[in-house]
């Protein structure tokens, strides 16, 4: 009986058909939601430091300045039967020549010269030079009184000649300002500093003059000079005269 049962099970297994292989197509729809959040922070620091060091070698320089200040103010003059005469015969010169001549009262005269010279070119192997010259003159006639009766003023200039810088002032009369101011700066040498300064101040104030049957006469026969020449001449009362010279040179 047990033997039969085993045979029946084997027969039943034999009746099951064998497994078969096949290709299958599958269509699938996929839905996908994706959220992306990006946080970005950029911090940028930039610093620039520029340090410039410049070493400048100065060229040669020459500076010259001349100042003349003259004032006639609040003066009083009374003339009766007066005669004023000025005569200039000959003036000749090479360079700089200045001549002033006046007769009478309360006249301002000035010859002001300022010269700056740097004759040589810059030497690249040597430092530069500097020359400075200043000349100043200040003259004032203030609150003066002159009373002339039957007076005569005469100025005569015969000859002026020379070379260089020549200044001549001549006046006859009262309350006259005269000035010759010269300032020269010369840079010749390769290096160095030259400084020169000249100042002059003159004041005539609160004076009184009474002239009766008076004669004022100023005469210059001859002036000849080389270099720097300054001449002032006056006749009369309360006259300011000045010759101011300032020279600076580097050699």
C-alpha atoms as a PDB file:
ATOM      1  CA  UNK A   1       0.000   0.000   0.000  1.00  0.00           C
ATOM      2  CA  UNK A   2       2.783   2.422   0.787  1.00  0.00           C
ATOM      3  CA  UNK A   3       4.541   1.548  -2.457  1.00  0.00           C
ATOM      4  CA  UNK A   4       1.577   2.595  -4.502  1.00  0.00           C
ATOM      5  CA  UNK A   5       1.402   5.989  -3.002  1.00  0.00           C
ATOM      6  CA  UNK A   6       4.976   6.761  -4.000  1.00  0.00           C
ATOM      7  CA  UNK A   7       4.432   5.763  -7.578  1.00  0.00           C
ATOM      8  CA  UNK A   8       1.261   7.886  -7.800  1.00  0.00           C
ATOM      9  CA  UNK A   9       3.170  11.027  -6.603  1.00  0.00           C
ATOM     10  CA  UNK A  10       5.880  10.536  -9.245  1.00  0.00           C
ATOM     11  CA  UNK A  11       3.251  10.196 -11.945  1.00  0.00           C
ATOM     12  CA  UNK A  12       1.539  13.317 -10.884  1.00  0.00           C
ATOM     13  CA  UNK A  13       4.785  15.315 -11.071  1.00  0.00           C
ATOM     14  CA  UNK A  14       5.433  13.996 -14.528  1.00  0.00           C
ATOM     15  CA  UNK A  15       2.175  15.418 -15.767  1.00  0.00           C
ATOM     16  CA  UNK A  16       3.211  19.117 -14.846  1.00  0.00           C
ATOM     17  CA  UNK A  17       4.474  20.894 -17.984  1.00  0.00           C
ATOM     18  CA  UNK A  18       8.030  22.407 -17.956  1.00  0.00           C
ATOM     19  CA  UNK A  19       8.574  26.189 -17.160  1.00  0.00           C
ATOM     20  CA  UNK A  20       8.771  28.589 -20.271  1.00  0.00           C
ATOM     21  CA  UNK A  21      10.871  31.946 -20.658  1.00  0.00           C
ATOM     22  CA  UNK A  22       9.269  35.097 -22.365  1.00  0.00           C
ATOM     23  CA  UNK A  23      10.130  38.926 -23.051  1.00  0.00           C
ATOM     24  CA  UNK A  24       7.961  41.424 -21.196  1.00  0.00           C
ATOM     25  CA  UNK A  25       7.618  45.223 -21.870  1.00  0.00           C
ATOM     26  CA  UNK A  26       6.690  47.314 -18.868  1.00  0.00           C
ATOM     27  CA  UNK A  27       5.705  51.042 -19.105  1.00  0.00           C
ATOM     28  CA  UNK A  28       6.157  52.963 -15.878  1.00  0.00           C
ATOM     29  CA  UNK A  29       5.338  56.657 -15.205  1.00  0.00           C
ATOM     30  CA  UNK A  30       7.421  58.220 -12.443  1.00  0.00           C
ATOM     31  CA  UNK A  31       6.641  61.614 -10.902  1.00  0.00           C
ATOM     32  CA  UNK A  32       9.408  63.189  -8.846  1.00  0.00           C
ATOM     33  CA  UNK A  33       9.326  66.495  -6.969  1.00  0.00           C
ATOM     34  CA  UNK A  34      12.689  68.034  -6.016  1.00  0.00           C
ATOM     35  CA  UNK A  35      13.260  71.308  -4.134  1.00  0.00           C
ATOM     36  CA  UNK A  36      16.761  72.789  -3.923  1.00  0.00           C
ATOM     37  CA  UNK A  37      17.552  75.800  -1.757  1.00  0.00           C
ATOM     38  CA  UNK A  38      21.002  77.405  -2.063  1.00  0.00           C
ATOM     39  CA  UNK A  39      22.266  80.072   0.351  1.00  0.00           C
ATOM     40  CA  UNK A  40      25.387  81.924  -0.833  1.00  0.00           C
ATOM     41  CA  UNK A  41      27.195  84.795   0.937  1.00  0.00           C
ATOM     42  CA  UNK A  42      30.224  86.490  -0.608  1.00  0.00           C
ATOM     43  CA  UNK A  43      32.383  88.876   1.437  1.00  0.00           C
ATOM     44  CA  UNK A  44      35.343  90.453  -0.316  1.00  0.00           C
ATOM     45  CA  UNK A  45      37.909  92.752   1.256  1.00  0.00           C
ATOM     46  CA  UNK A  46      40.420  94.572  -0.884  1.00  0.00           C
ATOM     47  CA  UNK A  47      43.015  97.019   0.404  1.00  0.00           C
ATOM     48  CA  UNK A  48      45.681  98.787  -1.584  1.00  0.00           C
ATOM     49  CA  UNK A  49      48.484 100.779  -0.002  1.00  0.00           C
ATOM     50  CA  UNK A  50      50.623 102.874  -2.348  1.00  0.00           C
ATOM     51  CA  UNK A  51      53.742 104.420  -0.935  1.00  0.00           C
ATOM     52  CA  UNK A  52      55.543 106.770  -3.281  1.00  0.00           C
ATOM     53  CA  UNK A  53      58.884 108.222  -2.333  1.00  0.00           C
ATOM     54  CA  UNK A  54      60.116 110.880  -4.726  1.00  0.00           C
ATOM     55  CA  UNK A  55      63.559 112.332  -4.435  1.00  0.00           C
ATOM     56  CA  UNK A  56      63.616 115.512  -6.496  1.00  0.00           C
ATOM     57  CA  UNK A  57      66.856 117.210  -7.222  1.00  0.00           C
ATOM     58  CA  UNK A  58      66.051 120.859  -7.764  1.00  0.00           C
ATOM     59  CA  UNK A  59      67.500 122.733 -10.649  1.00  0.00           C
ATOM     60  CA  UNK A  60      69.387 125.940 -10.156  1.00  0.00           C
ATOM     61  CA  UNK A  61      67.178 128.890  -9.336  1.00  0.00           C
ATOM     62  CA  UNK A  62      67.627 132.643  -8.938  1.00  0.00           C
ATOM     63  CA  UNK A  63      65.009 134.955  -7.462  1.00  0.00           C
ATOM     64  CA  UNK A  64      65.184 138.728  -7.205  1.00  0.00           C
ATOM     65  CA  UNK A  65      62.737 141.284  -5.858  1.00  0.00           C
ATOM     66  CA  UNK A  66      62.823 145.074  -5.632  1.00  0.00           C
ATOM     67  CA  UNK A  67      60.215 147.226  -3.916  1.00  0.00           C
ATOM     68  CA  UNK A  68      60.092 151.014  -3.741  1.00  0.00           C
ATOM     69  CA  UNK A  69      57.283 152.722  -1.860  1.00  0.00           C
ATOM     70  CA  UNK A  70      56.985 156.516  -1.889  1.00  0.00           C
ATOM     71  CA  UNK A  71      54.253 158.729  -0.464  1.00  0.00           C
ATOM     72  CA  UNK A  72      53.540 162.452  -0.505  1.00  0.00           C
ATOM     73  CA  UNK A  73      50.329 163.120   1.372  1.00  0.00           C
ATOM     74  CA  UNK A  74      48.689 165.853   3.419  1.00  0.00           C
ATOM     75  CA  UNK A  75      51.360 168.381   2.408  1.00  0.00           C
ATOM     76  CA  UNK A  76      50.739 172.079   1.765  1.00  0.00           C
ATOM     77  CA  UNK A  77      52.652 174.454  -0.462  1.00  0.00           C
ATOM     78  CA  UNK A  78      52.174 178.152  -1.248  1.00  0.00           C
ATOM     79  CA  UNK A  79      54.219 179.682  -4.079  1.00  0.00           C
ATOM     80  CA  UNK A  80      54.425 183.284  -5.199  1.00  0.00           C
ATOM     81  CA  UNK A  81      56.420 184.269  -8.295  1.00  0.00           C
ATOM     82  CA  UNK A  82      58.387 181.006  -8.402  1.00  0.00           C
ATOM     83  CA  UNK A  83      60.407 179.541 -11.272  1.00  0.00           C
ATOM     84  CA  UNK A  84      61.386 175.866 -11.680  1.00  0.00           C
ATOM     85  CA  UNK A  85      63.806 174.635 -14.368  1.00  0.00           C
ATOM     86  CA  UNK A  86      65.297 171.190 -15.169  1.00  0.00           C
ATOM     87  CA  UNK A  87      67.962 170.529 -17.808  1.00  0.00           C
ATOM     88  CA  UNK A  88      69.559 167.259 -18.987  1.00  0.00           C
ATOM     89  CA  UNK A  89      72.345 167.445 -21.543  1.00  0.00           C
ATOM     90  CA  UNK A  90      73.676 163.933 -22.206  1.00  0.00           C
ATOM     91  CA  UNK A  91      72.850 160.401 -21.065  1.00  0.00           C
ATOM     92  CA  UNK A  92      74.548 157.338 -22.522  1.00  0.00           C
ATOM     93  CA  UNK A  93      75.110 153.869 -21.149  1.00  0.00           C
ATOM     94  CA  UNK A  94      75.218 150.170 -21.863  1.00  0.00           C
ATOM     95  CA  UNK A  95      73.258 147.799 -19.679  1.00  0.00           C
ATOM     96  CA  UNK A  96      70.593 149.319 -17.429  1.00  0.00           C
ATOM     97  CA  UNK A  97      70.543 153.105 -17.039  1.00  0.00           C
ATOM     98  CA  UNK A  98      67.901 155.106 -15.217  1.00  0.00           C
ATOM     99  CA  UNK A  99      67.837 158.878 -14.818  1.00  0.00           C
ATOM    100  CA  UNK A 100      65.290 161.041 -12.994  1.00  0.00           C
ATOM    101  CA  UNK A 101      65.352 164.824 -12.795  1.00  0.00           C
ATOM    102  CA  UNK A 102      62.881 167.266 -11.315  1.00  0.00           C
ATOM    103  CA  UNK A 103      62.672 170.838 -10.115  1.00  0.00           C
ATOM    104  CA  UNK A 104      59.984 172.113  -7.828  1.00  0.00           C
ATOM    105  CA  UNK A 105      58.325 170.594  -4.777  1.00  0.00           C
ATOM    106  CA  UNK A 106      56.699 167.294  -3.783  1.00  0.00           C
ATOM    107  CA  UNK A 107      58.159 165.115  -6.550  1.00  0.00           C
ATOM    108  CA  UNK A 108      58.582 161.335  -6.390  1.00  0.00           C
ATOM    109  CA  UNK A 109      61.432 159.749  -8.372  1.00  0.00           C
ATOM    110  CA  UNK A 110      62.610 156.161  -8.456  1.00  0.00           C
ATOM    111  CA  UNK A 111      64.809 153.795 -10.457  1.00  0.00           C
ATOM    112  CA  UNK A 112      64.012 150.203  -9.482  1.00  0.00           C
ATOM    113  CA  UNK A 113      65.901 147.303 -11.077  1.00  0.00           C
ATOM    114  CA  UNK A 114      65.434 143.603 -10.385  1.00  0.00           C
ATOM    115  CA  UNK A 115      67.616 140.984 -12.102  1.00  0.00           C
ATOM    116  CA  UNK A 116      67.704 137.183 -11.686  1.00  0.00           C
ATOM    117  CA  UNK A 117      70.252 135.172 -13.688  1.00  0.00           C
ATOM    118  CA  UNK A 118      71.049 131.461 -13.905  1.00  0.00           C
ATOM    119  CA  UNK A 119      73.584 131.269 -16.742  1.00  0.00           C
ATOM    120  CA  UNK A 120      74.674 127.628 -16.617  1.00  0.00           C
ATOM    121  CA  UNK A 121      72.640 124.545 -17.429  1.00  0.00           C
ATOM    122  CA  UNK A 122      71.834 121.935 -14.815  1.00  0.00           C
ATOM    123  CA  UNK A 123      74.539 119.397 -14.035  1.00  0.00           C
ATOM    124  CA  UNK A 124      72.900 115.944 -13.542  1.00  0.00           C
ATOM    125  CA  UNK A 125      75.690 114.839 -11.242  1.00  0.00           C
ATOM    126  CA  UNK A 126      75.397 117.773  -8.822  1.00  0.00           C
ATOM    127  CA  UNK A 127      72.587 119.325  -6.886  1.00  0.00           C
ATOM    128  CA  UNK A 128      71.157 122.697  -7.870  1.00  0.00           C
ATOM    129  CA  UNK A 129      71.903 126.134  -6.457  1.00  0.00           C
ATOM    130  CA  UNK A 130      69.579 128.865  -5.228  1.00  0.00           C
ATOM    131  CA  UNK A 131      70.173 132.616  -5.103  1.00  0.00           C
ATOM    132  CA  UNK A 132      67.700 135.132  -3.708  1.00  0.00           C
ATOM    133  CA  UNK A 133      68.070 138.887  -3.415  1.00  0.00           C
ATOM    134  CA  UNK A 134      65.652 141.494  -2.090  1.00  0.00           C
ATOM    135  CA  UNK A 135      65.877 145.263  -1.963  1.00  0.00           C
ATOM    136  CA  UNK A 136      63.207 147.515  -0.471  1.00  0.00           C
ATOM    137  CA  UNK A 137      62.913 151.259   0.062  1.00  0.00           C
ATOM    138  CA  UNK A 138      60.114 153.150   1.796  1.00  0.00           C
ATOM    139  CA  UNK A 139      59.923 156.953   1.726  1.00  0.00           C
ATOM    140  CA  UNK A 140      57.231 159.208   3.123  1.00  0.00           C
ATOM    141  CA  UNK A 141      56.582 162.949   3.096  1.00  0.00           C
ATOM    142  CA  UNK A 142      53.559 163.611   5.240  1.00  0.00           C
ATOM    143  CA  UNK A 143      51.873 166.662   6.772  1.00  0.00           C
ATOM    144  CA  UNK A 144      54.595 169.136   5.783  1.00  0.00           C
ATOM    145  CA  UNK A 145      54.146 172.836   4.992  1.00  0.00           C
ATOM    146  CA  UNK A 146      56.165 175.005   2.607  1.00  0.00           C
ATOM    147  CA  UNK A 147      55.738 178.739   1.967  1.00  0.00           C
ATOM    148  CA  UNK A 148      57.822 180.131  -0.923  1.00  0.00           C
ATOM    149  CA  UNK A 149      57.931 183.782  -1.948  1.00  0.00           C
ATOM    150  CA  UNK A 150      59.921 184.831  -4.988  1.00  0.00           C
ATOM    151  CA  UNK A 151      61.929 181.611  -5.142  1.00  0.00           C
ATOM    152  CA  UNK A 152      63.740 179.827  -7.946  1.00  0.00           C
ATOM    153  CA  UNK A 153      64.533 176.109  -8.362  1.00  0.00           C
ATOM    154  CA  UNK A 154      67.022 174.921 -10.974  1.00  0.00           C
ATOM    155  CA  UNK A 155      68.441 171.437 -11.669  1.00  0.00           C
ATOM    156  CA  UNK A 156      71.066 170.720 -14.317  1.00  0.00           C
ATOM    157  CA  UNK A 157      72.428 167.329 -15.387  1.00  0.00           C
ATOM    158  CA  UNK A 158      75.295 167.492 -17.848  1.00  0.00           C
ATOM    159  CA  UNK A 159      76.538 163.972 -18.579  1.00  0.00           C
ATOM    160  CA  UNK A 160      75.811 160.376 -17.505  1.00  0.00           C
ATOM    161  CA  UNK A 161      77.677 157.454 -19.054  1.00  0.00           C
ATOM    162  CA  UNK A 162      78.813 153.991 -18.078  1.00  0.00           C
ATOM    163  CA  UNK A 163      78.106 150.289 -18.254  1.00  0.00           C
ATOM    164  CA  UNK A 164      76.260 147.970 -15.907  1.00  0.00           C
ATOM    165  CA  UNK A 165      73.468 149.341 -13.726  1.00  0.00           C
ATOM    166  CA  UNK A 166      73.368 153.127 -13.315  1.00  0.00           C
ATOM    167  CA  UNK A 167      70.716 155.120 -11.477  1.00  0.00           C
ATOM    168  CA  UNK A 168      70.720 158.908 -11.182  1.00  0.00           C
ATOM    169  CA  UNK A 169      68.180 161.116  -9.408  1.00  0.00           C
ATOM    170  CA  UNK A 170      68.324 164.904  -9.228  1.00  0.00           C
ATOM    171  CA  UNK A 171      65.866 167.386  -7.800  1.00  0.00           C
ATOM    172  CA  UNK A 172      65.730 170.965  -6.666  1.00  0.00           C
ATOM    173  CA  UNK A 173      62.976 172.221  -4.426  1.00  0.00           C
ATOM    174  CA  UNK A 174      61.290 170.799  -1.351  1.00  0.00           C
ATOM    175  CA  UNK A 175      59.597 167.557  -0.280  1.00  0.00           C
ATOM    176  CA  UNK A 176      61.051 165.396  -3.034  1.00  0.00           C
ATOM    177  CA  UNK A 177      61.461 161.618  -2.808  1.00  0.00           C
ATOM    178  CA  UNK A 178      64.304 159.970  -4.726  1.00  0.00           C
ATOM    179  CA  UNK A 179      65.292 156.313  -4.767  1.00  0.00           C
ATOM    180  CA  UNK A 180      67.623 153.975  -6.633  1.00  0.00           C
ATOM    181  CA  UNK A 181      66.945 150.324  -5.761  1.00  0.00           C
ATOM    182  CA  UNK A 182      68.863 147.442  -7.311  1.00  0.00           C
ATOM    183  CA  UNK A 183      68.381 143.747  -6.580  1.00  0.00           C
ATOM    184  CA  UNK A 184      70.549 141.121  -8.289  1.00  0.00           C
ATOM    185  CA  UNK A 185      70.545 137.349  -7.816  1.00  0.00           C
ATOM    186  CA  UNK A 186      73.028 135.189  -9.738  1.00  0.00           C
ATOM    187  CA  UNK A 187      73.319 131.411  -9.595  1.00  0.00           C
ATOM    188  CA  UNK A 188      76.620 130.462 -11.193  1.00  0.00           C
ATOM    189  CA  UNK A 189      78.042 127.644  -9.105  1.00  0.00           C
ATOM    190  CA  UNK A 190      76.852 124.031  -9.216  1.00  0.00           C
ATOM    191  CA  UNK A 191      75.493 124.017  -5.672  1.00  0.00           C
ATOM    192  CA  UNK A 192      74.855 126.393  -2.804  1.00  0.00           C
ATOM    193  CA  UNK A 193      72.452 128.954  -1.370  1.00  0.00           C
ATOM    194  CA  UNK A 194      72.971 132.720  -1.370  1.00  0.00           C
ATOM    195  CA  UNK A 195      70.588 135.106   0.399  1.00  0.00           C
ATOM    196  CA  UNK A 196      70.863 138.888   0.436  1.00  0.00           C
ATOM    197  CA  UNK A 197      68.513 141.571   1.738  1.00  0.00           C
ATOM    198  CA  UNK A 198      68.655 145.355   2.037  1.00  0.00           C
ATOM    199  CA  UNK A 199      65.946 147.612   3.480  1.00  0.00           C
ATOM    200  CA  UNK A 200      65.703 151.340   4.009  1.00  0.00           C
ATOM    201  CA  UNK A 201      62.938 153.508   5.469  1.00  0.00           C
ATOM    202  CA  UNK A 202      62.772 157.308   5.449  1.00  0.00           C
ATOM    203  CA  UNK A 203      60.100 159.612   6.872  1.00  0.00           C
ATOM    204  CA  UNK A 204      59.670 163.381   6.771  1.00  0.00           C
ATOM    205  CA  UNK A 205      56.606 164.512   8.700  1.00  0.00           C
ATOM    206  CA  UNK A 206      55.172 167.590  10.410  1.00  0.00           C
ATOM    207  CA  UNK A 207      57.818 169.994   9.113  1.00  0.00           C
ATOM    208  CA  UNK A 208      57.390 173.657   8.145  1.00  0.00           C
ATOM    209  CA  UNK A 209      59.534 175.711   5.771  1.00  0.00           C
ATOM    210  CA  UNK A 210      59.251 179.413   4.972  1.00  0.00           C
ATOM    211  CA  UNK A 211      61.428 180.638   2.080  1.00  0.00           C
ATOM    212  CA  UNK A 212      61.637 184.267   0.975  1.00  0.00           C
ATOM    213  CA  UNK A 213      63.802 185.300  -1.970  1.00  0.00           C
ATOM    214  CA  UNK A 214      65.424 181.839  -2.026  1.00  0.00           C
ATOM    215  CA  UNK A 215      67.227 179.974  -4.777  1.00  0.00           C
ATOM    216  CA  UNK A 216      67.588 176.186  -5.026  1.00  0.00           C
ATOM    217  CA  UNK A 217      70.118 174.852  -7.507  1.00  0.00           C
ATOM    218  CA  UNK A 218      71.274 171.266  -8.183  1.00  0.00           C
ATOM    219  CA  UNK A 219      73.956 170.551 -10.766  1.00  0.00           C
ATOM    220  CA  UNK A 220      75.616 167.278 -11.777  1.00  0.00           C
ATOM    221  CA  UNK A 221      78.613 167.727 -14.035  1.00  0.00           C
ATOM    222  CA  UNK A 222      79.495 164.169 -14.962  1.00  0.00           C
ATOM    223  CA  UNK A 223      78.613 160.630 -13.824  1.00  0.00           C
ATOM    224  CA  UNK A 224      80.614 157.680 -15.140  1.00  0.00           C
ATOM    225  CA  UNK A 225      80.375 154.234 -13.647  1.00  0.00           C
ATOM    226  CA  UNK A 226      80.897 150.531 -14.235  1.00  0.00           C
ATOM    227  CA  UNK A 227      79.011 147.867 -12.344  1.00  0.00           C
ATOM    228  CA  UNK A 228      76.348 149.299 -10.035  1.00  0.00           C
ATOM    229  CA  UNK A 229      76.252 153.100  -9.685  1.00  0.00           C
ATOM    230  CA  UNK A 230      73.645 155.131  -7.824  1.00  0.00           C
ATOM    231  CA  UNK A 231      73.577 158.931  -7.583  1.00  0.00           C
ATOM    232  CA  UNK A 232      71.082 161.190  -5.812  1.00  0.00           C
ATOM    233  CA  UNK A 233      71.271 164.981  -5.671  1.00  0.00           C
ATOM    234  CA  UNK A 234      68.810 167.517  -4.363  1.00  0.00           C
ATOM    235  CA  UNK A 235      68.617 171.109  -3.213  1.00  0.00           C
ATOM    236  CA  UNK A 236      65.896 172.532  -1.075  1.00  0.00           C
ATOM    237  CA  UNK A 237      64.100 171.235   1.983  1.00  0.00           C
ATOM    238  CA  UNK A 238      62.592 167.962   3.233  1.00  0.00           C
ATOM    239  CA  UNK A 239      63.961 165.722   0.484  1.00  0.00           C
ATOM    240  CA  UNK A 240      64.287 161.950   0.825  1.00  0.00           C
ATOM    241  CA  UNK A 241      67.063 160.167  -1.079  1.00  0.00           C
ATOM    242  CA  UNK A 242      68.116 156.523  -1.088  1.00  0.00           C
ATOM    243  CA  UNK A 243      70.403 154.099  -2.883  1.00  0.00           C
ATOM    244  CA  UNK A 244      69.527 150.502  -2.007  1.00  0.00           C
ATOM    245  CA  UNK A 245      71.584 147.641  -3.432  1.00  0.00           C
ATOM    246  CA  UNK A 246      71.189 143.923  -2.742  1.00  0.00           C
ATOM    247  CA  UNK A 247      73.297 141.258  -4.468  1.00  0.00           C
ATOM    248  CA  UNK A 248      73.270 137.478  -3.995  1.00  0.00           C
ATOM    249  CA  UNK A 249      75.497 135.092  -5.945  1.00  0.00           C
ATOM    250  CA  UNK A 250      76.417 131.409  -5.891  1.00  0.00           C
ATOM    251  CA  UNK A 251      79.737 130.495  -7.473  1.00  0.00           C
END
